[in-house]
Amino acid sequence: MGKNEDETIEYFIYRISLTLITLFGFLNNFMFFIVLCLRSLKSKYTNCILRNQSIIDSSLCLITLLALNLPKTSSSGILFIDQISCSIWTGQYLEYCFILAGEYNLVFTAVDRFWAVVTPSFYQKNINRKIILSFVFIYTFPVIFNWPQFIEFRLINGTCNSDYSDLGPNIVMFFKVNSTMWVLFQYIIPVAIIIFLYWKVYKAMNKLKSNNEETKKATMKFTKATMIVVIIFMLTCFFDPFYYMLGYLGAVEYVFNSPLQLTGISLITINSAVNPVVYFITMKSFRKFYFDVFCRCRKRSNAIETSVFE
């Protein structure tokens, strides 16, 4: 990625289009975070997970936005800094850490719905410990799992390249195995967990009993909204890991920053950009949250202006 002086018209159109999407996604998730901070849901765990999702998605959109529009990195002359920049930025290590974090945050959203609907008596027990453990996993796992990119992306003659063929056959085999593990842990395992949990939730929702009918309806609506978010995730995030695996197994040519690889990143970014839109469209309570927050800000602004001119 990156702004290039000799870019083609096709890449220019792609860059501008994705720039608009990422800018929308960043602002959308930022506003969603503000709304959730000012208008909390009843469940502390749900609040934390949704706020965290908005932080991850807005960060991913911002990283993609910067990667699209900043000039391609040049050598600083300091080997250590250039190597770190090569692995973390050019090699998209930081981007893929946020991608994995966002996906597993969706897994814990499904866990949240499972606890709320299937095991409500267990839901509020040790809530702070659950939040801490969830966040530790969400942020630690991607950092550890993506470490092979520090081996794959290296400075060769002052240029950052994805090349490990000179490191021996064992390293080549390692990356073939790693590509399969990437598919498992980026897509298949989280999707399998999510499908299983929501299958349990769906069965329990039909038997859900609540003394408060409004509470029951709100729980069902929010659960359905999270299901829609998951379906969008499943549709937009399947391409990149499978293309990565096929490339490293030699079935197709996989090149970082190629049109196909950027297509996978684009689909994932679109998923991050639209998550708050789903909650806004499907849930009246979230629309009310937005209107309450921004109408209150507008009234406060008008009151300040009035006091200034009086």
C-alpha atoms as a PDB file:
ATOM      1  CA  MET A   1       0.000   0.000   0.000  1.00  0.00           C
ATOM      2  CA  GLY A   2       0.925   3.628  -0.082  1.00  0.00           C
ATOM      3  CA  LYS A   3       0.649   6.687  -2.233  1.00  0.00           C
ATOM      4  CA  ASN A   4       2.864   6.375  -5.284  1.00  0.00           C
ATOM      5  CA  GLU A   5       3.745   9.080  -7.789  1.00  0.00           C
ATOM      6  CA  ASP A   6       3.547   6.685 -10.761  1.00  0.00           C
ATOM      7  CA  GLU A   7       0.379   4.828  -9.658  1.00  0.00           C
ATOM      8  CA  THR A   8      -2.010   3.599 -12.347  1.00  0.00           C
ATOM      9  CA  ILE A   9      -5.488   5.035 -12.805  1.00  0.00           C
ATOM     10  CA  GLU A  10      -6.952   1.743 -11.570  1.00  0.00           C
ATOM     11  CA  TYR A  11      -4.954   1.886  -8.339  1.00  0.00           C
ATOM     12  CA  PHE A  12      -5.807   5.571  -7.931  1.00  0.00           C
ATOM     13  CA  ILE A  13      -9.544   4.782  -8.151  1.00  0.00           C
ATOM     14  CA  TYR A  14      -9.085   1.873  -5.730  1.00  0.00           C
ATOM     15  CA  ARG A  15      -7.113   4.038  -3.290  1.00  0.00           C
ATOM     16  CA  ILE A  16      -9.627   6.893  -3.308  1.00  0.00           C
ATOM     17  CA  SER A  17     -12.597   4.514  -2.947  1.00  0.00           C
ATOM     18  CA  LEU A  18     -11.076   2.653  -0.014  1.00  0.00           C
ATOM     19  CA  THR A  19      -9.930   5.956   1.502  1.00  0.00           C
ATOM     20  CA  LEU A  20     -13.544   7.146   1.628  1.00  0.00           C
ATOM     21  CA  ILE A  21     -14.668   3.813   3.131  1.00  0.00           C
ATOM     22  CA  THR A  22     -11.948   3.832   5.798  1.00  0.00           C
ATOM     23  CA  LEU A  23     -12.599   7.483   6.651  1.00  0.00           C
ATOM     24  CA  PHE A  24     -16.299   6.707   7.035  1.00  0.00           C
ATOM     25  CA  GLY A  25     -15.460   3.627   9.114  1.00  0.00           C
ATOM     26  CA  PHE A  26     -13.095   5.524  11.403  1.00  0.00           C
ATOM     27  CA  LEU A  27     -15.590   8.337  12.073  1.00  0.00           C
ATOM     28  CA  ASN A  28     -18.488   5.895  12.367  1.00  0.00           C
ATOM     29  CA  ASN A  29     -16.744   3.725  14.960  1.00  0.00           C
ATOM     30  CA  PHE A  30     -15.442   6.779  16.818  1.00  0.00           C
ATOM     31  CA  MET A  31     -18.993   8.145  17.150  1.00  0.00           C
ATOM     32  CA  PHE A  32     -20.224   4.683  18.181  1.00  0.00           C
ATOM     33  CA  PHE A  33     -17.613   4.605  20.949  1.00  0.00           C
ATOM     34  CA  ILE A  34     -18.686   8.047  22.203  1.00  0.00           C
ATOM     35  CA  VAL A  35     -22.342   7.004  22.214  1.00  0.00           C
ATOM     36  CA  LEU A  36     -21.553   3.827  24.176  1.00  0.00           C
ATOM     37  CA  CYS A  37     -19.554   5.841  26.710  1.00  0.00           C
ATOM     38  CA  LEU A  38     -22.374   8.345  27.265  1.00  0.00           C
ATOM     39  CA  ARG A  39     -25.293   5.905  27.004  1.00  0.00           C
ATOM     40  CA  SER A  40     -24.330   2.613  28.631  1.00  0.00           C
ATOM     41  CA  LEU A  41     -26.199  -0.646  28.211  1.00  0.00           C
ATOM     42  CA  LYS A  42     -27.360  -2.558  31.279  1.00  0.00           C
ATOM     43  CA  SER A  43     -24.671  -5.220  30.976  1.00  0.00           C
ATOM     44  CA  LYS A  44     -21.138  -4.120  31.876  1.00  0.00           C
ATOM     45  CA  TYR A  45     -19.611  -6.957  29.835  1.00  0.00           C
ATOM     46  CA  THR A  46     -21.656  -6.065  26.733  1.00  0.00           C
ATOM     47  CA  ASN A  47     -20.638  -2.426  27.092  1.00  0.00           C
ATOM     48  CA  CYS A  48     -16.950  -3.288  27.323  1.00  0.00           C
ATOM     49  CA  ILE A  49     -17.026  -5.704  24.384  1.00  0.00           C
ATOM     50  CA  LEU A  50     -18.901  -3.278  22.109  1.00  0.00           C
ATOM     51  CA  ARG A  51     -16.652  -0.363  23.059  1.00  0.00           C
ATOM     52  CA  ASN A  52     -13.625  -2.525  22.435  1.00  0.00           C
ATOM     53  CA  GLN A  53     -14.987  -3.538  19.021  1.00  0.00           C
ATOM     54  CA  SER A  54     -15.404   0.112  18.077  1.00  0.00           C
ATOM     55  CA  ILE A  55     -11.829   0.880  19.221  1.00  0.00           C
ATOM     56  CA  ILE A  56     -10.410  -2.034  17.211  1.00  0.00           C
ATOM     57  CA  ASP A  57     -12.460  -1.264  14.098  1.00  0.00           C
ATOM     58  CA  SER A  58     -11.686   2.465  14.175  1.00  0.00           C
ATOM     59  CA  SER A  59      -7.973   1.669  14.655  1.00  0.00           C
ATOM     60  CA  LEU A  60      -8.001  -0.768  11.730  1.00  0.00           C
ATOM     61  CA  CYS A  61      -9.734   1.803   9.521  1.00  0.00           C
ATOM     62  CA  LEU A  62      -7.199   4.465  10.562  1.00  0.00           C
ATOM     63  CA  ILE A  63      -4.218   2.183   9.883  1.00  0.00           C
ATOM     64  CA  THR A  64      -5.585   1.304   6.437  1.00  0.00           C
ATOM     65  CA  LEU A  65      -6.323   4.972   5.751  1.00  0.00           C
ATOM     66  CA  LEU A  66      -2.736   5.955   6.594  1.00  0.00           C
ATOM     67  CA  ALA A  67      -1.264   3.013   4.691  1.00  0.00           C
ATOM     68  CA  LEU A  68      -3.219   4.035   1.596  1.00  0.00           C
ATOM     69  CA  ASN A  69      -2.249   7.688   1.593  1.00  0.00           C
ATOM     70  CA  LEU A  70       1.166   8.030   3.207  1.00  0.00           C
ATOM     71  CA  PRO A  71       4.125   7.881   0.812  1.00  0.00           C
ATOM     72  CA  LYS A  72       5.884   4.544   0.697  1.00  0.00           C
ATOM     73  CA  THR A  73       8.429   4.378   3.496  1.00  0.00           C
ATOM     74  CA  SER A  74      12.028   5.215   2.689  1.00  0.00           C
ATOM     75  CA  SER A  75      15.158   4.181   4.541  1.00  0.00           C
ATOM     76  CA  SER A  76      15.961   6.095   7.718  1.00  0.00           C
ATOM     77  CA  GLY A  77      19.564   4.949   7.634  1.00  0.00           C
ATOM     78  CA  ILE A  78      19.189   3.186  10.992  1.00  0.00           C
ATOM     79  CA  LEU A  79      19.074  -0.574  10.427  1.00  0.00           C
ATOM     80  CA  PHE A  80      17.034  -1.453  13.542  1.00  0.00           C
ATOM     81  CA  ILE A  81      14.347   1.169  12.832  1.00  0.00           C
ATOM     82  CA  ASP A  82      14.146   0.180   9.161  1.00  0.00           C
ATOM     83  CA  GLN A  83      13.754  -3.512  10.073  1.00  0.00           C
ATOM     84  CA  ILE A  84      10.975  -2.771  12.580  1.00  0.00           C
ATOM     85  CA  SER A  85       9.233  -0.532  10.032  1.00  0.00           C
ATOM     86  CA  CYS A  86       9.580  -3.274   7.413  1.00  0.00           C
ATOM     87  CA  SER A  87       7.950  -5.932   9.606  1.00  0.00           C
ATOM     88  CA  ILE A  88       5.331  -3.880  11.450  1.00  0.00           C
ATOM     89  CA  TRP A  89       4.242  -1.416   8.767  1.00  0.00           C
ATOM     90  CA  THR A  90       5.196  -2.634   5.279  1.00  0.00           C
ATOM     91  CA  GLY A  91       4.654  -6.250   6.281  1.00  0.00           C
ATOM     92  CA  GLN A  92       1.211  -5.335   7.675  1.00  0.00           C
ATOM     93  CA  TYR A  93       1.954  -6.902  11.079  1.00  0.00           C
ATOM     94  CA  LEU A  94       0.110  -4.130  12.916  1.00  0.00           C
ATOM     95  CA  GLU A  95      -2.850  -4.346  10.548  1.00  0.00           C
ATOM     96  CA  TYR A  96      -3.211  -8.108  10.943  1.00  0.00           C
ATOM     97  CA  CYS A  97      -2.957  -7.831  14.729  1.00  0.00           C
ATOM     98  CA  PHE A  98      -6.024  -5.586  14.719  1.00  0.00           C
ATOM     99  CA  ILE A  99      -7.771  -7.875  12.220  1.00  0.00           C
ATOM    100  CA  LEU A 100      -7.332 -10.870  14.537  1.00  0.00           C
ATOM    101  CA  ALA A 101      -8.254  -8.828  17.607  1.00  0.00           C
ATOM    102  CA  GLY A 102     -11.482  -7.699  15.932  1.00  0.00           C
ATOM    103  CA  GLU A 103     -12.399 -11.230  14.923  1.00  0.00           C
ATOM    104  CA  TYR A 104     -11.884 -12.645  18.402  1.00  0.00           C
ATOM    105  CA  ASN A 105     -13.748  -9.706  19.886  1.00  0.00           C
ATOM    106  CA  LEU A 106     -16.688 -10.959  17.790  1.00  0.00           C
ATOM    107  CA  VAL A 107     -16.157 -14.391  19.346  1.00  0.00           C
ATOM    108  CA  PHE A 108     -16.497 -12.850  22.798  1.00  0.00           C
ATOM    109  CA  THR A 109     -19.588 -10.978  21.601  1.00  0.00           C
ATOM    110  CA  ALA A 110     -21.059 -14.404  20.846  1.00  0.00           C
ATOM    111  CA  VAL A 111     -19.911 -15.579  24.284  1.00  0.00           C
ATOM    112  CA  ASP A 112     -21.679 -12.560  25.778  1.00  0.00           C
ATOM    113  CA  ARG A 113     -24.926 -13.502  24.016  1.00  0.00           C
ATOM    114  CA  PHE A 114     -24.514 -17.139  25.094  1.00  0.00           C
ATOM    115  CA  TRP A 115     -24.138 -16.133  28.730  1.00  0.00           C
ATOM    116  CA  ALA A 116     -27.031 -13.653  28.557  1.00  0.00           C
ATOM    117  CA  VAL A 117     -29.519 -16.008  26.893  1.00  0.00           C
ATOM    118  CA  VAL A 118     -28.437 -19.567  27.712  1.00  0.00           C
ATOM    119  CA  THR A 119     -26.844 -19.156  31.170  1.00  0.00           C
ATOM    120  CA  PRO A 120     -28.276 -15.908  32.621  1.00  0.00           C
ATOM    121  CA  SER A 121     -27.594 -16.978  36.218  1.00  0.00           C
ATOM    122  CA  PHE A 122     -23.874 -17.236  35.399  1.00  0.00           C
ATOM    123  CA  TYR A 123     -23.826 -14.004  33.381  1.00  0.00           C
ATOM    124  CA  GLN A 124     -23.123 -11.407  36.077  1.00  0.00           C
ATOM    125  CA  LYS A 125     -20.822 -13.540  38.240  1.00  0.00           C
ATOM    126  CA  ASN A 126     -17.165 -12.430  38.404  1.00  0.00           C
ATOM    127  CA  ILE A 127     -17.881  -9.909  35.649  1.00  0.00           C
ATOM    128  CA  ASN A 128     -14.653  -7.924  36.129  1.00  0.00           C
ATOM    129  CA  ARG A 129     -12.535 -11.064  35.923  1.00  0.00           C
ATOM    130  CA  LYS A 130     -14.327 -12.107  32.724  1.00  0.00           C
ATOM    131  CA  ILE A 131     -13.692  -8.696  31.169  1.00  0.00           C
ATOM    132  CA  ILE A 132      -9.979  -8.731  32.071  1.00  0.00           C
ATOM    133  CA  LEU A 133      -9.419 -12.297  30.821  1.00  0.00           C
ATOM    134  CA  SER A 134     -11.310 -11.575  27.600  1.00  0.00           C
ATOM    135  CA  PHE A 135      -9.251  -8.467  26.879  1.00  0.00           C
ATOM    136  CA  VAL A 136      -5.962 -10.195  27.720  1.00  0.00           C
ATOM    137  CA  PHE A 137      -6.742 -12.906  25.165  1.00  0.00           C
ATOM    138  CA  ILE A 138      -8.077 -10.505  22.508  1.00  0.00           C
ATOM    139  CA  TYR A 139      -4.878  -8.428  22.511  1.00  0.00           C
ATOM    140  CA  THR A 140      -2.216 -10.984  23.474  1.00  0.00           C
ATOM    141  CA  PHE A 141      -3.116 -13.748  21.028  1.00  0.00           C
ATOM    142  CA  PRO A 142      -2.742 -11.644  17.817  1.00  0.00           C
ATOM    143  CA  VAL A 143       0.616 -10.216  18.958  1.00  0.00           C
ATOM    144  CA  ILE A 144       2.016 -13.714  19.559  1.00  0.00           C
ATOM    145  CA  PHE A 145       0.341 -15.458  16.622  1.00  0.00           C
ATOM    146  CA  ASN A 146       1.618 -12.950  14.040  1.00  0.00           C
ATOM    147  CA  TRP A 147       5.293 -13.118  15.081  1.00  0.00           C
ATOM    148  CA  PRO A 148       6.388 -15.083  11.930  1.00  0.00           C
ATOM    149  CA  GLN A 149       6.023 -11.862   9.933  1.00  0.00           C
ATOM    150  CA  PHE A 150       9.198 -10.637  11.644  1.00  0.00           C
ATOM    151  CA  ILE A 151      11.016 -13.520   9.926  1.00  0.00           C
ATOM    152  CA  GLU A 152       9.202 -13.254   6.614  1.00  0.00           C
ATOM    153  CA  PHE A 153       9.686  -9.518   6.036  1.00  0.00           C
ATOM    154  CA  ARG A 154      13.329  -8.533   5.972  1.00  0.00           C
ATOM    155  CA  LEU A 155      15.524  -5.789   4.630  1.00  0.00           C
ATOM    156  CA  ILE A 156      17.394  -7.083   1.599  1.00  0.00           C
ATOM    157  CA  ASN A 157      19.810  -4.601   0.026  1.00  0.00           C
ATOM    158  CA  GLY A 158      17.974  -1.800   1.820  1.00  0.00           C
ATOM    159  CA  THR A 159      14.552  -2.853   0.493  1.00  0.00           C
ATOM    160  CA  CYS A 160      11.754  -4.467   2.513  1.00  0.00           C
ATOM    161  CA  ASN A 161      10.852  -7.796   0.912  1.00  0.00           C
ATOM    162  CA  SER A 162       8.830 -10.886   1.710  1.00  0.00           C
ATOM    163  CA  ASP A 163      11.552 -13.447   1.125  1.00  0.00           C
ATOM    164  CA  TYR A 164      12.659 -16.345   3.284  1.00  0.00           C
ATOM    165  CA  SER A 165      13.731 -18.875   0.630  1.00  0.00           C
ATOM    166  CA  ASP A 166      17.413 -18.386   1.508  1.00  0.00           C
ATOM    167  CA  LEU A 167      16.795 -19.426   5.132  1.00  0.00           C
ATOM    168  CA  GLY A 168      16.564 -23.117   4.269  1.00  0.00           C
ATOM    169  CA  PRO A 169      13.910 -25.772   3.535  1.00  0.00           C
ATOM    170  CA  ASN A 170      12.780 -26.007   7.162  1.00  0.00           C
ATOM    171  CA  ILE A 171      11.760 -22.327   7.189  1.00  0.00           C
ATOM    172  CA  VAL A 172       9.976 -22.752   3.849  1.00  0.00           C
ATOM    173  CA  MET A 173       8.049 -25.714   5.287  1.00  0.00           C
ATOM    174  CA  PHE A 174       7.315 -23.714   8.441  1.00  0.00           C
ATOM    175  CA  PHE A 175       5.599 -20.983   6.427  1.00  0.00           C
ATOM    176  CA  LYS A 176       3.531 -23.556   4.543  1.00  0.00           C
ATOM    177  CA  VAL A 177       2.320 -24.938   7.875  1.00  0.00           C
ATOM    178  CA  ASN A 178       1.877 -21.408   9.204  1.00  0.00           C
ATOM    179  CA  SER A 179      -0.397 -20.508   6.272  1.00  0.00           C
ATOM    180  CA  THR A 180      -2.681 -23.416   7.190  1.00  0.00           C
ATOM    181  CA  MET A 181      -2.660 -22.376  10.841  1.00  0.00           C
ATOM    182  CA  TRP A 182      -3.557 -18.845   9.748  1.00  0.00           C
ATOM    183  CA  VAL A 183      -6.699 -20.121   8.005  1.00  0.00           C
ATOM    184  CA  LEU A 184      -7.609 -22.156  11.068  1.00  0.00           C
ATOM    185  CA  PHE A 185      -7.140 -19.405  13.637  1.00  0.00           C
ATOM    186  CA  GLN A 186      -8.188 -16.401  11.558  1.00  0.00           C
ATOM    187  CA  TYR A 187     -11.326 -17.909  10.080  1.00  0.00           C
ATOM    188  CA  ILE A 188     -12.310 -21.544  10.642  1.00  0.00           C
ATOM    189  CA  ILE A 189     -11.955 -21.749  14.444  1.00  0.00           C
ATOM    190  CA  PRO A 190     -13.602 -18.379  15.279  1.00  0.00           C
ATOM    191  CA  VAL A 191     -16.408 -19.053  12.786  1.00  0.00           C
ATOM    192  CA  ALA A 192     -16.966 -22.558  14.209  1.00  0.00           C
ATOM    193  CA  ILE A 193     -17.105 -21.204  17.780  1.00  0.00           C
ATOM    194  CA  ILE A 194     -19.461 -18.393  16.766  1.00  0.00           C
ATOM    195  CA  ILE A 195     -21.803 -20.706  14.829  1.00  0.00           C
ATOM    196  CA  PHE A 196     -21.935 -23.173  17.730  1.00  0.00           C
ATOM    197  CA  LEU A 197     -22.656 -20.465  20.309  1.00  0.00           C
ATOM    198  CA  TYR A 198     -25.331 -18.766  18.216  1.00  0.00           C
ATOM    199  CA  TRP A 199     -26.931 -22.128  17.465  1.00  0.00           C
ATOM    200  CA  LYS A 200     -27.242 -22.622  21.230  1.00  0.00           C
ATOM    201  CA  VAL A 201     -28.508 -19.050  21.599  1.00  0.00           C
ATOM    202  CA  TYR A 202     -31.079 -19.487  18.822  1.00  0.00           C
ATOM    203  CA  LYS A 203     -32.459 -22.623  20.461  1.00  0.00           C
ATOM    204  CA  ALA A 204     -32.613 -20.925  23.861  1.00  0.00           C
ATOM    205  CA  MET A 205     -34.201 -17.724  22.522  1.00  0.00           C
ATOM    206  CA  ASN A 206     -37.398 -19.572  21.614  1.00  0.00           C
ATOM    207  CA  LYS A 207     -37.646 -20.801  25.200  1.00  0.00           C
ATOM    208  CA  LEU A 208     -36.537 -17.544  26.790  1.00  0.00           C
ATOM    209  CA  LYS A 209     -38.642 -16.622  29.790  1.00  0.00           C
ATOM    210  CA  SER A 210     -38.618 -13.200  31.362  1.00  0.00           C
ATOM    211  CA  ASN A 211     -40.894 -11.424  33.773  1.00  0.00           C
ATOM    212  CA  ASN A 212     -40.330  -8.261  31.747  1.00  0.00           C
ATOM    213  CA  GLU A 213     -41.526  -8.650  28.146  1.00  0.00           C
ATOM    214  CA  GLU A 214     -39.614  -5.529  27.062  1.00  0.00           C
ATOM    215  CA  THR A 215     -36.370  -6.955  28.429  1.00  0.00           C
ATOM    216  CA  LYS A 216     -36.965 -10.170  26.521  1.00  0.00           C
ATOM    217  CA  LYS A 217     -37.595  -8.301  23.261  1.00  0.00           C
ATOM    218  CA  ALA A 218     -34.520  -6.114  23.757  1.00  0.00           C
ATOM    219  CA  THR A 219     -32.350  -9.172  24.385  1.00  0.00           C
ATOM    220  CA  MET A 220     -33.648 -10.886  21.258  1.00  0.00           C
ATOM    221  CA  LYS A 221     -33.209  -7.775  19.086  1.00  0.00           C
ATOM    222  CA  PHE A 222     -29.646  -7.202  20.240  1.00  0.00           C
ATOM    223  CA  THR A 223     -28.795 -10.872  19.735  1.00  0.00           C
ATOM    224  CA  LYS A 224     -30.185 -10.751  16.188  1.00  0.00           C
ATOM    225  CA  ALA A 225     -28.151  -7.597  15.501  1.00  0.00           C
ATOM    226  CA  THR A 226     -24.947  -9.323  16.619  1.00  0.00           C
ATOM    227  CA  MET A 227     -25.846 -12.281  14.391  1.00  0.00           C
ATOM    228  CA  ILE A 228     -26.054  -9.939  11.383  1.00  0.00           C
ATOM    229  CA  VAL A 229     -22.632  -8.504  12.273  1.00  0.00           C
ATOM    230  CA  VAL A 230     -21.235 -12.049  12.367  1.00  0.00           C
ATOM    231  CA  ILE A 231     -22.771 -12.948   8.989  1.00  0.00           C
ATOM    232  CA  ILE A 232     -21.123  -9.868   7.435  1.00  0.00           C
ATOM    233  CA  PHE A 233     -17.838 -10.936   9.046  1.00  0.00           C
ATOM    234  CA  MET A 234     -18.149 -14.442   7.579  1.00  0.00           C
ATOM    235  CA  LEU A 235     -18.832 -13.069   4.082  1.00  0.00           C
ATOM    236  CA  THR A 236     -16.118 -10.405   4.027  1.00  0.00           C
ATOM    237  CA  CYS A 237     -13.271 -12.101   5.900  1.00  0.00           C
ATOM    238  CA  PHE A 238     -13.073 -15.520   4.232  1.00  0.00           C
ATOM    239  CA  PHE A 239     -11.134 -14.449   1.119  1.00  0.00           C
ATOM    240  CA  ASP A 240      -7.867 -13.204   2.639  1.00  0.00           C
ATOM    241  CA  PRO A 241      -6.859 -16.215   4.803  1.00  0.00           C
ATOM    242  CA  PHE A 242      -7.685 -18.777   2.098  1.00  0.00           C
ATOM    243  CA  TYR A 243      -5.849 -16.775  -0.569  1.00  0.00           C
ATOM    244  CA  TYR A 244      -2.885 -16.550   1.830  1.00  0.00           C
ATOM    245  CA  MET A 245      -2.885 -20.318   2.401  1.00  0.00           C
ATOM    246  CA  LEU A 246      -3.213 -21.200  -1.296  1.00  0.00           C
ATOM    247  CA  GLY A 247      -0.385 -18.812  -2.108  1.00  0.00           C
ATOM    248  CA  TYR A 248       2.032 -20.290   0.412  1.00  0.00           C
ATOM    249  CA  LEU A 249       1.126 -23.834  -0.617  1.00  0.00           C
ATOM    250  CA  GLY A 250       2.000 -22.923  -4.203  1.00  0.00           C
ATOM    251  CA  ALA A 251      -1.497 -23.262  -5.670  1.00  0.00           C
ATOM    252  CA  VAL A 252      -1.663 -19.559  -6.625  1.00  0.00           C
ATOM    253  CA  GLU A 253       0.770 -16.657  -6.644  1.00  0.00           C
ATOM    254  CA  TYR A 254       0.506 -14.670  -3.408  1.00  0.00           C
ATOM    255  CA  VAL A 255       2.131 -11.244  -3.440  1.00  0.00           C
ATOM    256  CA  PHE A 256       1.826  -8.654  -0.663  1.00  0.00           C
ATOM    257  CA  ASN A 257       0.222  -5.402  -1.863  1.00  0.00           C
ATOM    258  CA  SER A 258      -0.920  -7.077  -5.089  1.00  0.00           C
ATOM    259  CA  PRO A 259      -4.513  -6.384  -6.285  1.00  0.00           C
ATOM    260  CA  LEU A 260      -5.783  -9.714  -4.919  1.00  0.00           C
ATOM    261  CA  GLN A 261      -4.107  -9.264  -1.541  1.00  0.00           C
ATOM    262  CA  LEU A 262      -5.435  -5.717  -1.292  1.00  0.00           C
ATOM    263  CA  THR A 263      -8.902  -7.038  -2.161  1.00  0.00           C
ATOM    264  CA  GLY A 264      -8.798  -9.221   0.944  1.00  0.00           C
ATOM    265  CA  ILE A 265      -7.724  -6.256   3.087  1.00  0.00           C
ATOM    266  CA  SER A 266     -10.466  -4.126   1.522  1.00  0.00           C
ATOM    267  CA  LEU A 267     -13.190  -6.651   2.368  1.00  0.00           C
ATOM    268  CA  ILE A 268     -11.997  -6.868   5.972  1.00  0.00           C
ATOM    269  CA  THR A 269     -11.904  -3.073   6.216  1.00  0.00           C
ATOM    270  CA  ILE A 270     -15.458  -2.813   4.874  1.00  0.00           C
ATOM    271  CA  ASN A 271     -16.524  -5.237   7.602  1.00  0.00           C
ATOM    272  CA  SER A 272     -14.953  -2.975  10.238  1.00  0.00           C
ATOM    273  CA  ALA A 273     -16.567   0.126   8.744  1.00  0.00           C
ATOM    274  CA  VAL A 274     -20.162  -1.139   8.702  1.00  0.00           C
ATOM    275  CA  ASN A 275     -20.486  -2.772  12.132  1.00  0.00           C
ATOM    276  CA  PRO A 276     -21.964   0.320  13.878  1.00  0.00           C
ATOM    277  CA  VAL A 277     -24.334   0.819  10.925  1.00  0.00           C
ATOM    278  CA  VAL A 278     -25.857  -2.602  11.591  1.00  0.00           C
ATOM    279  CA  TYR A 279     -26.632  -1.735  15.212  1.00  0.00           C
ATOM    280  CA  PHE A 280     -27.990   1.676  14.194  1.00  0.00           C
ATOM    281  CA  ILE A 281     -30.326   0.244  11.529  1.00  0.00           C
ATOM    282  CA  THR A 282     -31.545  -2.842  13.369  1.00  0.00           C
ATOM    283  CA  MET A 283     -31.996  -1.490  16.897  1.00  0.00           C
ATOM    284  CA  LYS A 284     -34.269   1.361  17.905  1.00  0.00           C
ATOM    285  CA  SER A 285     -32.477   1.726  21.253  1.00  0.00           C
ATOM    286  CA  PHE A 286     -29.155   2.483  19.521  1.00  0.00           C
ATOM    287  CA  ARG A 287     -30.818   5.042  17.262  1.00  0.00           C
ATOM    288  CA  LYS A 288     -32.251   6.650  20.391  1.00  0.00           C
ATOM    289  CA  PHE A 289     -28.778   6.629  21.962  1.00  0.00           C
ATOM    290  CA  TYR A 290     -27.384   8.494  18.945  1.00  0.00           C
ATOM    291  CA  PHE A 291     -30.183  11.050  18.894  1.00  0.00           C
ATOM    292  CA  ASP A 292     -29.987  11.604  22.664  1.00  0.00           C
ATOM    293  CA  VAL A 293     -26.235  12.139  22.600  1.00  0.00           C
ATOM    294  CA  PHE A 294     -25.971  14.363  19.541  1.00  0.00           C
ATOM    295  CA  CYS A 295     -29.194  16.288  20.124  1.00  0.00           C
ATOM    296  CA  ARG A 296     -28.024  16.999  23.668  1.00  0.00           C
ATOM    297  CA  CYS A 297     -24.684  18.209  22.323  1.00  0.00           C
ATOM    298  CA  ARG A 298     -26.493  20.408  19.815  1.00  0.00           C
ATOM    299  CA  LYS A 299     -28.777  21.864  22.500  1.00  0.00           C
ATOM    300  CA  ARG A 300     -25.756  22.525  24.726  1.00  0.00           C
ATOM    301  CA  SER A 301     -23.976  24.218  21.823  1.00  0.00           C
ATOM    302  CA  ASN A 302     -27.032  26.356  21.091  1.00  0.00           C
ATOM    303  CA  ALA A 303     -27.307  27.289  24.774  1.00  0.00           C
ATOM    304  CA  ILE A 304     -23.674  28.402  24.810  1.00  0.00           C
ATOM    305  CA  GLU A 305     -24.150  30.459  21.654  1.00  0.00           C
ATOM    306  CA  THR A 306     -27.273  32.075  23.125  1.00  0.00           C
ATOM    307  CA  SER A 307     -25.495  32.968  26.356  1.00  0.00           C
ATOM    308  CA  VAL A 308     -22.633  34.486  24.384  1.00  0.00           C
ATOM    309  CA  PHE A 309     -24.896  36.736  22.360  1.00  0.00           C
ATOM    310  CA  GLU A 310     -27.152  37.805  25.250  1.00  0.00           C
END
